[in-house]
Protein backbone atom coordinates (compact mmCIF):
# COMPACT_ATOMS: atom_id res chain seq x y z
CA UNK A 1 25.99 -2.41 33.33
CA UNK A 2 27.17 1.02 32.23
CA UNK A 3 24.64 3.26 30.48
CA UNK A 4 25.98 6.22 28.54
CA UNK A 5 23.95 9.32 27.81
CA UNK A 6 24.23 11.78 24.95
CA UNK A 7 22.58 15.12 24.46
CA UNK A 8 20.51 15.66 21.32
CA UNK A 9 19.71 18.82 19.34
CA UNK A 10 16.36 18.80 21.16
CA UNK A 11 16.94 20.15 24.70
CA UNK A 12 13.87 18.26 25.98
CA UNK A 13 15.30 14.91 24.82
CA UNK A 14 18.22 12.82 26.02
CA UNK A 15 19.66 9.69 24.39
CA UNK A 16 20.47 6.68 26.61
CA UNK A 17 22.87 3.99 25.32
CA UNK A 18 22.60 0.79 27.42
CA UNK A 19 25.52 -0.89 25.63
CA UNK A 20 23.33 -3.65 24.21
CA UNK A 21 20.64 -4.12 21.60
CA UNK A 22 17.37 -2.38 22.37
CA UNK A 23 15.47 -3.45 19.23
CA UNK A 24 16.68 -6.06 16.76
CA UNK A 25 14.98 -4.28 13.86
CA UNK A 26 12.92 -1.16 13.27
CA UNK A 27 12.00 1.48 15.81
CA UNK A 28 9.29 1.96 18.43
CA UNK A 29 7.76 5.31 19.29
CA UNK A 30 5.77 5.84 22.49
CA UNK A 31 4.54 9.45 22.46
CA UNK A 32 2.36 8.85 25.55
CA UNK A 33 2.40 6.74 28.70
CA UNK A 34 -0.67 4.94 27.38
CA UNK A 35 1.21 3.91 24.23
CA UNK A 36 4.11 2.82 26.47
CA UNK A 37 1.95 0.14 28.10
CA UNK A 38 2.95 -2.16 25.20
CA UNK A 39 6.56 -2.22 26.36
CA UNK A 40 7.83 -3.25 29.79
CA UNK A 41 10.86 -0.95 29.33
CA UNK A 42 8.81 2.06 28.20
CA UNK A 43 6.38 1.47 31.06
CA UNK A 44 9.24 1.65 33.59
CA UNK A 45 10.60 4.84 32.05
CA UNK A 46 7.17 6.50 31.96
CA UNK A 47 6.88 5.76 35.69
CA UNK A 48 9.50 8.49 36.22
CA UNK A 49 7.74 11.79 36.92
CA UNK A 50 8.24 14.27 34.07
CA UNK A 51 8.77 11.78 31.21
CA UNK A 52 6.53 12.65 28.24
CA UNK A 53 7.90 10.40 25.47
CA UNK A 54 10.03 7.31 24.87
CA UNK A 55 11.58 6.13 21.59
CA UNK A 56 13.58 2.96 20.89
CA UNK A 57 16.20 2.51 18.18
CA UNK A 58 18.56 -0.39 17.55
CA UNK A 59 20.98 0.44 20.35
CA UNK A 60 19.47 3.45 22.10
CA UNK A 61 16.52 4.76 24.08
CA UNK A 62 15.51 8.39 23.65
CA UNK A 63 13.55 10.00 26.47
CA UNK A 64 11.65 13.28 26.24
CA UNK A 65 10.80 15.26 29.38
CA UNK A 66 8.33 18.01 30.14
CA UNK A 67 9.67 21.57 30.00
CA UNK A 68 9.14 22.21 33.72
CA UNK A 69 11.48 19.38 34.81
CA UNK A 70 15.29 19.60 34.81
CA UNK A 71 17.43 16.72 33.50
CA UNK A 72 19.48 16.78 36.70
CA UNK A 73 16.34 15.81 38.62
CA UNK A 74 15.11 12.90 36.50
CA UNK A 75 18.18 11.50 34.73
CA UNK A 76 19.23 9.29 37.69
CA UNK A 77 15.72 7.81 37.93
CA UNK A 78 15.65 7.07 34.19
CA UNK A 79 19.09 5.44 34.37
CA UNK A 80 17.80 3.34 37.26
CA UNK A 81 14.66 2.33 35.33
CA UNK A 82 16.70 1.23 32.29
CA UNK A 83 19.19 -0.70 34.43
CA UNK A 84 16.41 -2.32 36.45
CA UNK A 85 14.67 -3.40 33.27
CA UNK A 86 17.73 -5.08 31.77
CA UNK A 87 18.51 -6.82 35.05
CA UNK A 88 14.93 -8.13 35.25
CA UNK A 89 15.29 -10.22 32.10
CA UNK A 90 11.96 -8.96 30.73
CA UNK A 91 11.65 -8.30 27.01
CA UNK A 92 11.84 -4.73 25.73
CA UNK A 93 8.57 -5.13 23.84
CA UNK A 94 5.45 -6.89 25.10
CA UNK A 95 4.12 -9.97 23.33
CA UNK A 96 1.40 -7.95 21.55
CA UNK A 97 3.74 -5.13 20.45
CA UNK A 98 5.92 -4.97 17.37
CA UNK A 99 8.59 -2.59 16.21
CA UNK A 100 7.77 -0.50 13.18
CA UNK A 101 9.76 -0.78 9.96
CA UNK A 102 9.19 2.89 9.53
CA UNK A 103 7.84 3.89 6.17
CA UNK A 104 4.18 3.99 5.17
CA UNK A 105 3.17 1.86 2.19
CA UNK A 106 2.52 3.61 -1.10
CA UNK A 107 1.24 2.12 -4.32
CA UNK A 108 0.09 3.72 -7.52
CA UNK A 109 1.48 5.86 -10.27
CA UNK A 110 4.15 7.48 -8.07
CA UNK A 111 5.53 4.16 -6.78
CA UNK A 112 8.90 4.60 -8.50
CA UNK A 113 9.36 8.12 -7.09
CA UNK A 114 8.31 6.94 -3.62
CA UNK A 115 10.84 4.10 -3.76
CA UNK A 116 13.57 6.65 -4.62
CA UNK A 117 12.43 8.85 -1.70
CA UNK A 118 12.51 5.89 0.71
CA UNK A 119 15.94 4.81 -0.54
CA UNK A 120 17.38 8.30 0.04
CA UNK A 121 15.77 8.51 3.48
CA UNK A 122 17.17 5.09 4.44
CA UNK A 123 20.67 5.69 3.09
CA UNK A 124 21.27 9.38 3.85
CA UNK A 125 18.76 10.74 6.36
CA UNK A 126 17.76 8.07 8.86
CA UNK A 127 21.32 7.11 9.89
CA UNK A 128 22.09 10.77 10.60
CA UNK A 129 18.98 11.42 12.67
CA UNK A 130 19.48 8.14 14.56
CA UNK A 131 22.79 9.61 15.75
CA UNK A 132 20.70 12.39 17.30
CA UNK A 133 18.27 9.92 18.93
CA UNK A 134 15.40 10.12 16.48
CA UNK A 135 13.93 8.87 13.26
CA UNK A 136 12.23 10.34 10.21
CA UNK A 137 9.94 8.12 8.17
CA UNK A 138 8.04 8.45 4.92
CA UNK A 139 4.32 9.12 5.42
CA UNK A 140 3.10 10.11 1.95
CA UNK A 141 3.71 11.76 -1.41
CA UNK A 142 1.14 13.91 -3.18
CA UNK A 143 1.67 16.27 -6.14
CA UNK A 144 5.33 16.91 -5.40
CA UNK A 145 4.97 17.21 -1.63
CA UNK A 146 6.69 14.63 0.58
CA UNK A 147 5.13 14.10 4.01
CA UNK A 148 7.48 12.86 6.73
CA UNK A 149 6.84 11.71 10.28
CA UNK A 150 9.38 12.80 12.89
CA UNK A 151 9.95 10.61 15.96
CA UNK A 152 12.07 10.50 19.09
CA UNK A 153 14.40 13.48 19.49
CA UNK A 154 13.22 14.85 16.12
CA UNK A 155 9.63 15.31 17.27
CA UNK A 156 9.30 18.78 18.74
CA UNK A 157 12.95 19.65 18.19
CA UNK A 158 13.54 23.39 17.68
CA UNK A 159 15.82 22.67 14.71
CA UNK A 160 13.47 20.15 13.06
CA UNK A 161 12.00 22.71 10.64
CA UNK A 162 15.50 23.70 9.53
CA UNK A 163 16.45 20.02 9.16
CA UNK A 164 13.37 19.36 7.04
CA UNK A 165 13.58 22.43 4.82
CA UNK A 166 17.30 23.03 4.41
CA UNK A 167 18.52 19.47 4.72
CA UNK A 168 16.02 16.84 3.67
CA UNK A 169 14.04 18.97 1.20
CA UNK A 170 17.20 20.12 -0.58
CA UNK A 171 18.54 16.55 -0.71
CA UNK A 172 15.33 15.11 -2.13
CA UNK A 173 14.87 17.96 -4.63
CA UNK A 174 18.46 17.50 -5.83
CA UNK A 175 18.06 13.79 -6.57
CA UNK A 176 14.35 13.66 -7.42
CA UNK A 177 13.12 16.58 -9.57
CA UNK A 178 9.47 15.64 -8.95
CA UNK A 179 9.85 16.63 -5.28
CA UNK A 180 8.91 20.28 -4.70
CA UNK A 181 8.46 20.45 -0.91
CA UNK A 182 8.79 18.47 2.33
CA UNK A 183 6.29 18.81 5.18
CA UNK A 184 6.07 17.21 8.61
CA UNK A 185 3.01 15.26 9.73
CA UNK A 186 1.79 14.33 13.18
CA UNK A 187 0.49 10.80 13.43
């Protein structure tokens, strides 16, 4: 098994590509070791000292480290944990855990606008941020303001505010005049 790694725009996050499917559908975000207990793979990765977050996409694992640890010191241990997991034959997700489809549900008078927002996120934004090891999902829409949840490499990324304001906000405002602003939310 050969696992590739890629840097992300977030210096505290590294993307690991095991060369096989990680999740069949959706994503899984484990912002804490406690949350990672639901996944045998996340649990192994959190066992590495200095790991503060784990995120799964279709074909990648994004790992976030604490600021006081250098990648050179923990990258080999993370590679070993991922390899060990895939050789063990255990599932990526535990029996009681499910991958998230991403977007929050929204019903009501703005349903048509919200569907347009979700379509643009799915077709234009999410594929791009997945390349960087993260995900951005719809969380809510209220009086022109779109609330988005940033995960994986996007969470805590120094360029995330620029991505939200200059990229996503401009895109949504261009296609959907009812959108006036985009704001991040922490879940």
